[in-house]
Structure formats: structure tokens, C-alpha cells
C-alpha atoms as a PDB file:
ATOM      1  CA  UNK A   1     105.444  63.827 125.104  1.00  0.00           C
ATOM      2  CA  UNK A   2     105.791  63.034 121.361  1.00  0.00           C
ATOM      3  CA  UNK A   3     102.002  63.210 120.997  1.00  0.00           C
ATOM      4  CA  UNK A   4     102.000  66.686 122.571  1.00  0.00           C
ATOM      5  CA  UNK A   5     104.759  67.825 120.201  1.00  0.00           C
ATOM      6  CA  UNK A   6     102.849  66.512 117.185  1.00  0.00           C
ATOM      7  CA  UNK A   7      99.715  68.349 118.249  1.00  0.00           C
ATOM      8  CA  UNK A   8     101.620  71.639 118.112  1.00  0.00           C
ATOM      9  CA  UNK A   9     102.763  71.086 114.524  1.00  0.00           C
ATOM     10  CA  UNK A  10     100.806  72.867 111.761  1.00  0.00           C
ATOM     11  CA  UNK A  11      98.261  70.634 110.075  1.00  0.00           C
ATOM     12  CA  UNK A  12      98.571  69.770 106.409  1.00  0.00           C
ATOM     13  CA  UNK A  13      95.824  71.150 104.130  1.00  0.00           C
ATOM     14  CA  UNK A  14      92.843  68.882 103.535  1.00  0.00           C
ATOM     15  CA  UNK A  15      93.539  69.312  99.789  1.00  0.00           C
ATOM     16  CA  UNK A  16      97.255  69.341  98.998  1.00  0.00           C
ATOM     17  CA  UNK A  17      97.219  71.271  95.708  1.00  0.00           C
ATOM     18  CA  UNK A  18      96.908  75.034  96.151  1.00  0.00           C
ATOM     19  CA  UNK A  19      95.470  75.520  92.638  1.00  0.00           C
ATOM     20  CA  UNK A  20      92.713  72.982  93.358  1.00  0.00           C
ATOM     21  CA  UNK A  21      91.798  74.740  96.593  1.00  0.00           C
ATOM     22  CA  UNK A  22      91.500  77.990  94.615  1.00  0.00           C
ATOM     23  CA  UNK A  23      89.344  76.336  91.946  1.00  0.00           C
ATOM     24  CA  UNK A  24      86.931  74.945  94.534  1.00  0.00           C
ATOM     25  CA  UNK A  25      86.891  78.277  96.356  1.00  0.00           C
ATOM     26  CA  UNK A  26      86.057  80.180  93.140  1.00  0.00           C
ATOM     27  CA  UNK A  27      83.086  77.902  92.464  1.00  0.00           C
ATOM     28  CA  UNK A  28      81.880  78.308  96.033  1.00  0.00           C
ATOM     29  CA  UNK A  29      82.430  82.074  95.983  1.00  0.00           C
ATOM     30  CA  UNK A  30      80.516  82.403  92.697  1.00  0.00           C
ATOM     31  CA  UNK A  31      77.543  80.723  94.344  1.00  0.00           C
ATOM     32  CA  UNK A  32      77.944  83.066  97.316  1.00  0.00           C
ATOM     33  CA  UNK A  33      77.892  86.108  94.992  1.00  0.00           C
ATOM     34  CA  UNK A  34      74.676  84.850  93.401  1.00  0.00           C
ATOM     35  CA  UNK A  35      73.241  84.420  96.891  1.00  0.00           C
ATOM     36  CA  UNK A  36      74.230  87.979  97.800  1.00  0.00           C
ATOM     37  CA  UNK A  37      72.519  89.350  94.698  1.00  0.00           C
ATOM     38  CA  UNK A  38      69.385  87.386  95.539  1.00  0.00           C
ATOM     39  CA  UNK A  39      69.329  88.574  99.154  1.00  0.00           C
ATOM     40  CA  UNK A  40      69.891  92.219  98.217  1.00  0.00           C
ATOM     41  CA  UNK A  41      67.262  91.874  95.483  1.00  0.00           C
ATOM     42  CA  UNK A  42      64.669  90.572  97.943  1.00  0.00           C
ATOM     43  CA  UNK A  43      65.446  93.406 100.379  1.00  0.00           C
ATOM     44  CA  UNK A  44      65.149  96.008  97.607  1.00  0.00           C
ATOM     45  CA  UNK A  45      61.811  94.578  96.445  1.00  0.00           C
ATOM     46  CA  UNK A  46      60.523  94.702 100.032  1.00  0.00           C
ATOM     47  CA  UNK A  47      61.690  98.292 100.542  1.00  0.00           C
ATOM     48  CA  UNK A  48      60.359  99.395  97.139  1.00  0.00           C
ATOM     49  CA  UNK A  49      57.065  97.489  97.306  1.00  0.00           C
ATOM     50  CA  UNK A  50      54.998 100.698  97.190  1.00  0.00           C
ATOM     51  CA  UNK A  51      56.548 101.723  93.840  1.00  0.00           C
ATOM     52  CA  UNK A  52      56.126  98.184  92.493  1.00  0.00           C
ATOM     53  CA  UNK A  53      52.463  98.110  93.516  1.00  0.00           C
ATOM     54  CA  UNK A  54      51.947 101.387  91.646  1.00  0.00           C
ATOM     55  CA  UNK A  55      53.371  99.765  88.533  1.00  0.00           C
ATOM     56  CA  UNK A  56      56.586 101.783  88.514  1.00  0.00           C
ATOM     57  CA  UNK A  57      59.572 100.125  86.807  1.00  0.00           C
ATOM     58  CA  UNK A  58      62.469  99.191  89.115  1.00  0.00           C
ATOM     59  CA  UNK A  59      66.017  99.023  87.749  1.00  0.00           C
ATOM     60  CA  UNK A  60      67.381  96.422  90.158  1.00  0.00           C
ATOM     61  CA  UNK A  61      71.003  96.607  88.976  1.00  0.00           C
ATOM     62  CA  UNK A  62      71.069 100.407  89.198  1.00  0.00           C
ATOM     63  CA  UNK A  63      69.684 100.292  92.743  1.00  0.00           C
ATOM     64  CA  UNK A  64      72.204  97.645  93.809  1.00  0.00           C
ATOM     65  CA  UNK A  65      75.022  99.787  92.402  1.00  0.00           C
ATOM     66  CA  UNK A  66      73.551 103.061  93.640  1.00  0.00           C
ATOM     67  CA  UNK A  67      71.130 103.672  96.504  1.00  0.00           C
ATOM     68  CA  UNK A  68      71.710 100.207  97.960  1.00  0.00           C
ATOM     69  CA  UNK A  69      75.451  99.987  97.314  1.00  0.00           C
ATOM     70  CA  UNK A  70      76.095 100.253 101.057  1.00  0.00           C
ATOM     71  CA  UNK A  71      73.895  97.188 101.672  1.00  0.00           C
ATOM     72  CA  UNK A  72      75.482  95.301  98.790  1.00  0.00           C
ATOM     73  CA  UNK A  73      78.944  96.121 100.182  1.00  0.00           C
ATOM     74  CA  UNK A  74      78.039  95.149 103.745  1.00  0.00           C
ATOM     75  CA  UNK A  75      76.580  91.768 102.791  1.00  0.00           C
ATOM     76  CA  UNK A  76      79.445  91.260 100.320  1.00  0.00           C
ATOM     77  CA  UNK A  77      82.055  91.828 103.035  1.00  0.00           C
ATOM     78  CA  UNK A  78      80.303  89.448 105.409  1.00  0.00           C
ATOM     79  CA  UNK A  79      80.000  86.784 102.709  1.00  0.00           C
ATOM     80  CA  UNK A  80      83.638  87.209 101.626  1.00  0.00           C
ATOM     81  CA  UNK A  81      84.850  86.889 105.201  1.00  0.00           C
ATOM     82  CA  UNK A  82      82.717  83.822 105.921  1.00  0.00           C
ATOM     83  CA  UNK A  83      83.650  82.098 102.632  1.00  0.00           C
ATOM     84  CA  UNK A  84      87.362  82.626 103.223  1.00  0.00           C
ATOM     85  CA  UNK A  85      87.035  81.663 106.901  1.00  0.00           C
ATOM     86  CA  UNK A  86      85.357  78.355 106.017  1.00  0.00           C
ATOM     87  CA  UNK A  87      87.966  77.425 103.428  1.00  0.00           C
ATOM     88  CA  UNK A  88      90.860  78.669 105.545  1.00  0.00           C
ATOM     89  CA  UNK A  89      89.782  76.666 108.592  1.00  0.00           C
ATOM     90  CA  UNK A  90      88.376  73.508 106.986  1.00  0.00           C
ATOM     91  CA  UNK A  91      90.350  73.134 103.739  1.00  0.00           C
ATOM     92  CA  UNK A  92      93.631  75.001 104.352  1.00  0.00           C
ATOM     93  CA  UNK A  93      93.688  74.272 108.096  1.00  0.00           C
ATOM     94  CA  UNK A  94      95.314  77.607 108.808  1.00  0.00           C
ATOM     95  CA  UNK A  95      94.329  80.794 110.628  1.00  0.00           C
ATOM     96  CA  UNK A  96      92.778  83.896 109.096  1.00  0.00           C
ATOM     97  CA  UNK A  97      95.667  85.958 110.466  1.00  0.00           C
ATOM     98  CA  UNK A  98      98.092  83.934 108.327  1.00  0.00           C
ATOM     99  CA  UNK A  99      96.449  85.360 105.191  1.00  0.00           C
ATOM    100  CA  UNK A 100      98.611  88.430 105.728  1.00  0.00           C
ATOM    101  CA  UNK A 101      97.212  90.330 108.710  1.00  0.00           C
ATOM    102  CA  UNK A 102     100.309  89.854 110.859  1.00  0.00           C
ATOM    103  CA  UNK A 103     101.785  93.034 112.280  1.00  0.00           C
ATOM    104  CA  UNK A 104     105.230  92.052 111.025  1.00  0.00           C
ATOM    105  CA  UNK A 105     108.172  94.210 109.991  1.00  0.00           C
ATOM    106  CA  UNK A 106     106.592  94.894 106.586  1.00  0.00           C
ATOM    107  CA  UNK A 107     103.562  96.635 108.092  1.00  0.00           C
ATOM    108  CA  UNK A 108     105.238 100.052 108.026  1.00  0.00           C
ATOM    109  CA  UNK A 109     106.155  99.817 104.372  1.00  0.00           C
ATOM    110  CA  UNK A 110     102.573  98.779 103.638  1.00  0.00           C
ATOM    111  CA  UNK A 111     101.414 102.314 104.419  1.00  0.00           C
ATOM    112  CA  UNK A 112     102.975 103.422 101.142  1.00  0.00           C
ATOM    113  CA  UNK A 113      99.858 102.019  99.459  1.00  0.00           C
ATOM    114  CA  UNK A 114      97.713 104.656 101.149  1.00  0.00           C
ATOM    115  CA  UNK A 115      99.707 107.460  99.484  1.00  0.00           C
ATOM    116  CA  UNK A 116     100.653 105.768  96.211  1.00  0.00           C
ATOM    117  CA  UNK A 117      97.036 105.564  95.010  1.00  0.00           C
ATOM    118  CA  UNK A 118      96.298 109.334  95.170  1.00  0.00           C
ATOM    119  CA  UNK A 119      99.719 110.010  93.640  1.00  0.00           C
ATOM    120  CA  UNK A 120      98.819 107.985  90.516  1.00  0.00           C
ATOM    121  CA  UNK A 121      95.323 109.449  90.356  1.00  0.00           C
ATOM    122  CA  UNK A 122      96.668 112.947  90.925  1.00  0.00           C
ATOM    123  CA  UNK A 123      99.200 112.637  88.093  1.00  0.00           C
ATOM    124  CA  UNK A 124      96.551 111.326  85.698  1.00  0.00           C
ATOM    125  CA  UNK A 125      94.044 113.993  86.704  1.00  0.00           C
ATOM    126  CA  UNK A 126      96.585 116.772  86.139  1.00  0.00           C
ATOM    127  CA  UNK A 127      97.290 115.392  82.656  1.00  0.00           C
ATOM    128  CA  UNK A 128      93.560 115.435  81.863  1.00  0.00           C
ATOM    129  CA  UNK A 129      93.098 118.897  83.367  1.00  0.00           C
ATOM    130  CA  UNK A 130      95.970 120.637  81.558  1.00  0.00           C
ATOM    131  CA  UNK A 131      95.112 118.906  78.274  1.00  0.00           C
ATOM    132  CA  UNK A 132      91.566 120.288  78.516  1.00  0.00           C
ATOM    133  CA  UNK A 133      89.850 116.937  78.951  1.00  0.00           C
ATOM    134  CA  UNK A 134      88.674 117.580  82.517  1.00  0.00           C
ATOM    135  CA  UNK A 135      87.278 120.473  84.479  1.00  0.00           C
ATOM    136  CA  UNK A 136      85.566 120.831  87.813  1.00  0.00           C
ATOM    137  CA  UNK A 137      82.319 122.757  87.712  1.00  0.00           C
ATOM    138  CA  UNK A 138      81.279 122.816  91.374  1.00  0.00           C
ATOM    139  CA  UNK A 139      82.013 121.623  94.916  1.00  0.00           C
ATOM    140  CA  UNK A 140      79.323 119.726  96.783  1.00  0.00           C
ATOM    141  CA  UNK A 141      80.278 118.741 100.341  1.00  0.00           C
ATOM    142  CA  UNK A 142      77.980 116.400 102.255  1.00  0.00           C
ATOM    143  CA  UNK A 143      79.339 115.008 105.526  1.00  0.00           C
ATOM    144  CA  UNK A 144      76.747 112.213 105.611  1.00  0.00           C
ATOM    145  CA  UNK A 145      77.487 111.094 102.020  1.00  0.00           C
ATOM    146  CA  UNK A 146      81.224 111.145 102.659  1.00  0.00           C
ATOM    147  CA  UNK A 147      80.832 109.135 105.867  1.00  0.00           C
ATOM    148  CA  UNK A 148      78.757 106.475 104.095  1.00  0.00           C
ATOM    149  CA  UNK A 149      81.230 106.343 101.205  1.00  0.00           C
ATOM    150  CA  UNK A 150      84.158 105.932 103.592  1.00  0.00           C
ATOM    151  CA  UNK A 151      82.398 102.877 104.985  1.00  0.00           C
ATOM    152  CA  UNK A 152      81.608 101.508 101.519  1.00  0.00           C
ATOM    153  CA  UNK A 153      85.199 101.929 100.311  1.00  0.00           C
ATOM    154  CA  UNK A 154      86.564 100.278 103.443  1.00  0.00           C
ATOM    155  CA  UNK A 155      84.196  97.303 103.092  1.00  0.00           C
ATOM    156  CA  UNK A 156      84.935  96.853  99.374  1.00  0.00           C
ATOM    157  CA  UNK A 157      88.707  97.066  99.861  1.00  0.00           C
ATOM    158  CA  UNK A 158      88.761  94.662 102.807  1.00  0.00           C
ATOM    159  CA  UNK A 159      86.358  92.149 101.228  1.00  0.00           C
ATOM    160  CA  UNK A 160      88.051  92.012  97.818  1.00  0.00           C
ATOM    161  CA  UNK A 161      91.577  91.860  99.235  1.00  0.00           C
ATOM    162  CA  UNK A 162      90.702  89.019 101.609  1.00  0.00           C
ATOM    163  CA  UNK A 163      89.392  87.049  98.634  1.00  0.00           C
ATOM    164  CA  UNK A 164      91.777  87.865  95.779  1.00  0.00           C
ATOM    165  CA  UNK A 165      95.117  88.538  97.459  1.00  0.00           C
ATOM    166  CA  UNK A 166      94.595  86.921 100.849  1.00  0.00           C
ATOM    167  CA  UNK A 167      93.070  83.626  99.750  1.00  0.00           C
ATOM    168  CA  UNK A 168      93.445  83.187  95.984  1.00  0.00           C
ATOM    169  CA  UNK A 169      96.957  84.588  95.488  1.00  0.00           C
ATOM    170  CA  UNK A 170      98.165  83.056  98.755  1.00  0.00           C
ATOM    171  CA  UNK A 171      97.116  79.558  97.692  1.00  0.00           C
ATOM    172  CA  UNK A 172      98.211  79.898  94.069  1.00  0.00           C
ATOM    173  CA  UNK A 173     101.734  80.692  95.264  1.00  0.00           C
ATOM    174  CA  UNK A 174     101.869  77.226  96.804  1.00  0.00           C
ATOM    175  CA  UNK A 175     101.461  75.676  93.339  1.00  0.00           C
ATOM    176  CA  UNK A 176     103.023  78.147  90.920  1.00  0.00           C
ATOM    177  CA  UNK A 177     105.877  80.563  90.449  1.00  0.00           C
ATOM    178  CA  UNK A 178     104.992  83.850  92.163  1.00  0.00           C
ATOM    179  CA  UNK A 179     104.570  85.758  88.884  1.00  0.00           C
ATOM    180  CA  UNK A 180     102.301  83.141  87.343  1.00  0.00           C
ATOM    181  CA  UNK A 181     100.231  83.096  90.552  1.00  0.00           C
ATOM    182  CA  UNK A 182     100.033  86.898  90.471  1.00  0.00           C
ATOM    183  CA  UNK A 183      98.916  86.890  86.817  1.00  0.00           C
ATOM    184  CA  UNK A 184      96.179  84.304  87.413  1.00  0.00           C
ATOM    185  CA  UNK A 185      94.827  86.132  90.473  1.00  0.00           C
ATOM    186  CA  UNK A 186      94.838  89.445  88.571  1.00  0.00           C
ATOM    187  CA  UNK A 187      92.920  87.887  85.677  1.00  0.00           C
ATOM    188  CA  UNK A 188      90.292  86.499  88.057  1.00  0.00           C
ATOM    189  CA  UNK A 189      90.059  89.989  89.604  1.00  0.00           C
ATOM    190  CA  UNK A 190      89.424  91.480  86.153  1.00  0.00           C
ATOM    191  CA  UNK A 191      86.853  88.830  85.216  1.00  0.00           C
ATOM    192  CA  UNK A 192      84.798  89.423  88.370  1.00  0.00           C
ATOM    193  CA  UNK A 193      84.534  93.139  87.505  1.00  0.00           C
ATOM    194  CA  UNK A 194      82.918  92.296  84.166  1.00  0.00           C
ATOM    195  CA  UNK A 195      79.580  92.642  85.959  1.00  0.00           C
ATOM    196  CA  UNK A 196      80.205  96.378  86.446  1.00  0.00           C
ATOM    197  CA  UNK A 197      78.466  98.909  84.164  1.00  0.00           C
ATOM    198  CA  UNK A 198      80.266 100.283  81.066  1.00  0.00           C
ATOM    199  CA  UNK A 199      82.984  97.616  81.199  1.00  0.00           C
ATOM    200  CA  UNK A 200      85.135  97.433  78.048  1.00  0.00           C
ATOM    201  CA  UNK A 201      88.547  96.162  76.907  1.00  0.00           C
ATOM    202  CA  UNK A 202      90.533  99.120  78.295  1.00  0.00           C
ATOM    203  CA  UNK A 203      88.702  98.828  81.605  1.00  0.00           C
ATOM    204  CA  UNK A 204      89.504  95.108  81.727  1.00  0.00           C
ATOM    205  CA  UNK A 205      93.182  95.776  80.985  1.00  0.00           C
ATOM    206  CA  UNK A 206      93.314  98.399  83.727  1.00  0.00           C
ATOM    207  CA  UNK A 207      91.577  96.177  86.290  1.00  0.00           C
ATOM    208  CA  UNK A 208      94.003  93.379  85.392  1.00  0.00           C
ATOM    209  CA  UNK A 209      96.976  95.724  85.920  1.00  0.00           C
ATOM    210  CA  UNK A 210      95.383  96.909  89.160  1.00  0.00           C
ATOM    211  CA  UNK A 211      95.315  93.268  90.272  1.00  0.00           C
ATOM    212  CA  UNK A 212      99.034  92.999  89.469  1.00  0.00           C
ATOM    213  CA  UNK A 213      99.800  96.204  91.364  1.00  0.00           C
ATOM    214  CA  UNK A 214      97.698  95.203  94.375  1.00  0.00           C
ATOM    215  CA  UNK A 215      99.398  91.813  94.574  1.00  0.00           C
ATOM    216  CA  UNK A 216     102.947  92.978  93.899  1.00  0.00           C
ATOM    217  CA  UNK A 217     103.776  93.793  97.499  1.00  0.00           C
ATOM    218  CA  UNK A 218     102.072  90.599  98.653  1.00  0.00           C
ATOM    219  CA  UNK A 219     104.205  88.182  96.604  1.00  0.00           C
ATOM    220  CA  UNK A 220     107.301  89.534  98.381  1.00  0.00           C
ATOM    221  CA  UNK A 221     105.982  90.216 101.898  1.00  0.00           C
ATOM    222  CA  UNK A 222     102.793  88.163 102.227  1.00  0.00           C
ATOM    223  CA  UNK A 223     101.302  91.153 104.033  1.00  0.00           C
ATOM    224  CA  UNK A 224      97.798  92.302 102.999  1.00  0.00           C
ATOM    225  CA  UNK A 225      97.972  95.830 104.348  1.00  0.00           C
ATOM    226  CA  UNK A 226      99.565  97.432 101.279  1.00  0.00           C
ATOM    227  CA  UNK A 227      96.772  96.070  99.055  1.00  0.00           C
ATOM    228  CA  UNK A 228      93.981  96.984 101.494  1.00  0.00           C
ATOM    229  CA  UNK A 229      95.225 100.537 102.032  1.00  0.00           C
ATOM    230  CA  UNK A 230      95.936 101.120  98.322  1.00  0.00           C
ATOM    231  CA  UNK A 231      92.525  99.737  97.295  1.00  0.00           C
ATOM    232  CA  UNK A 232      90.691 101.858  99.869  1.00  0.00           C
ATOM    233  CA  UNK A 233      92.602 105.030  99.019  1.00  0.00           C
ATOM    234  CA  UNK A 234      92.230 104.505  95.252  1.00  0.00           C
ATOM    235  CA  UNK A 235      88.450 104.135  95.353  1.00  0.00           C
ATOM    236  CA  UNK A 236      88.012 106.984  97.824  1.00  0.00           C
ATOM    237  CA  UNK A 237      90.055 109.499  95.832  1.00  0.00           C
ATOM    238  CA  UNK A 238      88.834 108.355  92.431  1.00  0.00           C
ATOM    239  CA  UNK A 239      85.127 108.673  93.215  1.00  0.00           C
ATOM    240  CA  UNK A 240      83.983 110.637  96.277  1.00  0.00           C
ATOM    241  CA  UNK A 241      86.847 113.163  96.202  1.00  0.00           C
ATOM    242  CA  UNK A 242      87.993 113.698  92.588  1.00  0.00           C
ATOM    243  CA  UNK A 243      84.600 113.087  90.991  1.00  0.00           C
ATOM    244  CA  UNK A 244      85.138 110.120  88.648  1.00  0.00           C
ATOM    245  CA  UNK A 245      82.907 107.075  88.483  1.00  0.00           C
ATOM    246  CA  UNK A 246      84.347 104.139  90.419  1.00  0.00           C
ATOM    247  CA  UNK A 247      84.595 101.099  88.133  1.00  0.00           C
ATOM    248  CA  UNK A 248      81.438 102.238  86.338  1.00  0.00           C
ATOM    249  CA  UNK A 249      79.531 103.085  89.525  1.00  0.00           C
ATOM    250  CA  UNK A 250      78.331 106.652  90.095  1.00  0.00           C
ATOM    251  CA  UNK A 251      78.533 108.042  93.639  1.00  0.00           C
ATOM    252  CA  UNK A 252      77.884 111.397  95.301  1.00  0.00           C
ATOM    253  CA  UNK A 253      81.123 113.353  94.832  1.00  0.00           C
ATOM    254  CA  UNK A 254      82.881 116.327  96.391  1.00  0.00           C
ATOM    255  CA  UNK A 255      84.216 117.770  93.122  1.00  0.00           C
ATOM    256  CA  UNK A 256      81.676 117.896  90.286  1.00  0.00           C
ATOM    257  CA  UNK A 257      83.632 116.695  87.256  1.00  0.00           C
ATOM    258  CA  UNK A 258      83.017 117.341  83.570  1.00  0.00           C
ATOM    259  CA  UNK A 259      84.948 115.169  81.115  1.00  0.00           C
ATOM    260  CA  UNK A 260      85.490 116.247  77.505  1.00  0.00           C
ATOM    261  CA  UNK A 261      86.948 114.572  74.457  1.00  0.00           C
ATOM    262  CA  UNK A 262      88.095 111.054  73.656  1.00  0.00           C
ATOM    263  CA  UNK A 263      86.783 108.437  76.088  1.00  0.00           C
ATOM    264  CA  UNK A 264      90.017 106.483  75.673  1.00  0.00           C
ATOM    265  CA  UNK A 265      91.743 109.351  77.476  1.00  0.00           C
ATOM    266  CA  UNK A 266      89.073 110.319  80.002  1.00  0.00           C
ATOM    267  CA  UNK A 267      87.710 106.874  80.862  1.00  0.00           C
ATOM    268  CA  UNK A 268      84.152 108.073  80.263  1.00  0.00           C
ATOM    269  CA  UNK A 269      81.371 106.513  82.280  1.00  0.00           C
ATOM    270  CA  UNK A 270      83.601 103.786  83.716  1.00  0.00           C
ATOM    271  CA  UNK A 271      85.807 106.330  85.451  1.00  0.00           C
ATOM    272  CA  UNK A 272      89.545 106.896  85.382  1.00  0.00           C
ATOM    273  CA  UNK A 273      90.042 103.109  85.278  1.00  0.00           C
ATOM    274  CA  UNK A 274      88.709 103.203  81.699  1.00  0.00           C
ATOM    275  CA  UNK A 275      91.490 105.547  80.544  1.00  0.00           C
ATOM    276  CA  UNK A 276      94.698 104.685  78.677  1.00  0.00           C
ATOM    277  CA  UNK A 277      96.384 107.282  80.889  1.00  0.00           C
ATOM    278  CA  UNK A 278      95.624 105.070  83.882  1.00  0.00           C
ATOM    279  CA  UNK A 279      96.953 102.086  81.927  1.00  0.00           C
ATOM    280  CA  UNK A 280     100.257 103.850  81.218  1.00  0.00           C
ATOM    281  CA  UNK A 281     100.708 105.203  84.773  1.00  0.00           C
ATOM    282  CA  UNK A 282      99.837 101.857  86.381  1.00  0.00           C
ATOM    283  CA  UNK A 283     102.253 100.009  84.102  1.00  0.00           C
ATOM    284  CA  UNK A 284     105.054 102.463  84.952  1.00  0.00           C
ATOM    285  CA  UNK A 285     104.286 102.055  88.672  1.00  0.00           C
ATOM    286  CA  UNK A 286     104.354  98.248  88.394  1.00  0.00           C
ATOM    287  CA  UNK A 287     107.745  98.303  86.668  1.00  0.00           C
ATOM    288  CA  UNK A 288     109.177 100.751  89.198  1.00  0.00           C
ATOM    289  CA  UNK A 289     107.872  98.835  92.224  1.00  0.00           C
ATOM    290  CA  UNK A 290     109.048  95.518  90.770  1.00  0.00           C
ATOM    291  CA  UNK A 291     112.589  96.871  90.570  1.00  0.00           C
ATOM    292  CA  UNK A 292     112.421  98.347  94.079  1.00  0.00           C
ATOM    293  CA  UNK A 293     110.937  95.217  95.668  1.00  0.00           C
ATOM    294  CA  UNK A 294     113.390  92.909  93.891  1.00  0.00           C
ATOM    295  CA  UNK A 295     116.279  94.822  95.497  1.00  0.00           C
ATOM    296  CA  UNK A 296     114.647  95.490  98.833  1.00  0.00           C
ATOM    297  CA  UNK A 297     113.349  92.019  99.618  1.00  0.00           C
ATOM    298  CA  UNK A 298     115.909  89.796  97.862  1.00  0.00           C
ATOM    299  CA  UNK A 299     118.326  90.050 100.777  1.00  0.00           C
ATOM    300  CA  UNK A 300     115.591  89.129 103.239  1.00  0.00           C
ATOM    301  CA  UNK A 301     114.681  86.042 101.214  1.00  0.00           C
ATOM    302  CA  UNK A 302     118.281  84.957 100.738  1.00  0.00           C
ATOM    303  CA  UNK A 303     119.067  85.274 104.437  1.00  0.00           C
ATOM    304  CA  UNK A 304     115.683  83.743 105.353  1.00  0.00           C
ATOM    305  CA  UNK A 305     114.724  86.603 107.638  1.00  0.00           C
ATOM    306  CA  UNK A 306     111.146  85.483 107.061  1.00  0.00           C
ATOM    307  CA  UNK A 307     109.892  82.029 106.029  1.00  0.00           C
ATOM    308  CA  UNK A 308     109.458  81.376 102.308  1.00  0.00           C
ATOM    309  CA  UNK A 309     106.359  79.172 101.916  1.00  0.00           C
ATOM    310  CA  UNK A 310     106.219  79.162  98.149  1.00  0.00           C
ATOM    311  CA  UNK A 311     108.423  77.907  95.353  1.00  0.00           C
ATOM    312  CA  UNK A 312     109.766  79.997  92.503  1.00  0.00           C
ATOM    313  CA  UNK A 313     109.764  76.876  90.335  1.00  0.00           C
ATOM    314  CA  UNK A 314     106.513  76.007  88.576  1.00  0.00           C
ATOM    315  CA  UNK A 315     105.111  72.784  89.962  1.00  0.00           C
ATOM    316  CA  UNK A 316     104.114  70.681  86.992  1.00  0.00           C
END
């Protein structure tokens, strides 16, 4: 009987320190990313062999971020899922569902992420429009392009959130105060995007703040759905619908956009995420949500309506 009871208890992680698990995961994931780039590169070379044989120059990075973005995203999602699955099962000794996929009482509030993203983008776009820095010159609707982009945005959002909020932030919260864990995960999120075209300091600051915003709901609820839905909605509205570049990547768009004036305001080739307007709006949103979440979820934590698996005291 005691043996049966012990078998039902959750297993301790293979590596006790959450920060060390994250460090090992980051090294492993970096190698996985290099593998993805190699695989996609080989596929592109095979599919473009006729042009290569004719001596035509092939811009591999442009193809991976353009015509073959769907393939890059698909393999990236598969690799992200498998990397997290391996570490979650072997190192953490926990289930994938426990990353934050539970349909708990916070699932409904997570849907706010789906509508918050276009609200921020809409406010920033109106500022650019009425200040004369943005105008739309044409509408180009393509059902096939939009369908493919919906799939790409879903794969990117799911893959990145599984890695950065689901695994990295989740494990960091076992070693650090929630805010320190959130800051570290956001910085890693910003560093990974350095590979994107036209990346600069403002873009890095905005991606860092995006990492804070995406993880804000998670540090209180440990539910991934807010981050996934916000991430998906943000990329979809920013690029395919409103006509900006998405983190430096150009996509077929519904509204043909023309940006004028200072790149610090418009974001230029990087997209709205390269704009100081995005920086200001995201910072305001973070401060507002922090105040709301602190009030909304403090009572739940104090009355232990859901388990609290992390400490608010930095483990030295």
C-alpha cells in the first residue's frame, strides 16, 4: 500500500535548480535552431537547384524569411515542441499540460489577449495615421495568402510561447522571484530576435517589453493561453492585416501601407515593433495590467485557491 501511494506522488526533477534546467535547455535549443536552419537550407537548395545550376545568386536568409517562412515555421514548431517535451519529461519529470495548457478558471480571462493586441496596434496606427506618418494606398485581398499566414502566425505563437513562457519562465520561477524570472525570460526573448532583419536598439527594447507583456499574465495564473492568443493576434494584425513588417519580415498584406517620416516613430522596415510609439503604448499596458493583476489575483494567492509553486523570495 505505501509503495502504491509513493508511486502516485509527483517525481522530483532530475536537476533540482530551475535556473540550471533553463541554462541547459537554452544550449540544447540553440543547437536545435542551428539544425532547423541547416535542414531548411538543404530543402531550399534542393528546390532551387535549377537556379543554382544556372549560376543565379540565392539569398538564403531572404528565402527562409520569405517564400519559405511557412516551412521554417513548421519545422520550428515541431522542433520547439520536441525540445520542450524531452526536457519536460526527462529533466523536469512533469507533463506538457502542466506548462500552462490546463483549462482552469483563468482560461476565460486569457481570451483578453486576443483583443488586447489589436487594441494596442490600432491605437498606435491611428496616431501614425492622423500625424501623417502612415497612409494606406491600396487593398489587396488574397484568400490563399491569408490562409497560409494564419497558419504561420499560429505556429510561431505556439512554438515561441511553449519555449519562452511555458518552459523558460516556468522553470525560472522555481529559482527566482517572479519579476526577476520574467525579466530574464524577456531578455532571452529579445536576444533570440536579434537574428531578424533590420533589428536595432528600439526594436530590442520593444521585443523585451513584449516579452514582459506576454509573461505578465503567466506569472500570476501559470496559464499559457493569454500569451499564445496575444502573440497570434499581434502578428496577424500587425502584418497581414494592417500592412506593417512583422519583426523585420515582409509578408503579403491586405492593406498596402506607406510610411513617411522619422523611422523612430514609424518603425521603418522592422515594422511597428521598431517604433517608440509601440514602446510607449506597451509600457502603459504593462503598468495597467500589473495593477489589475495584482488586485485580481492577490486574493486567490492569499486564500490558496490555486497552488503556488514558486517563491517570491530570491533563492540565493
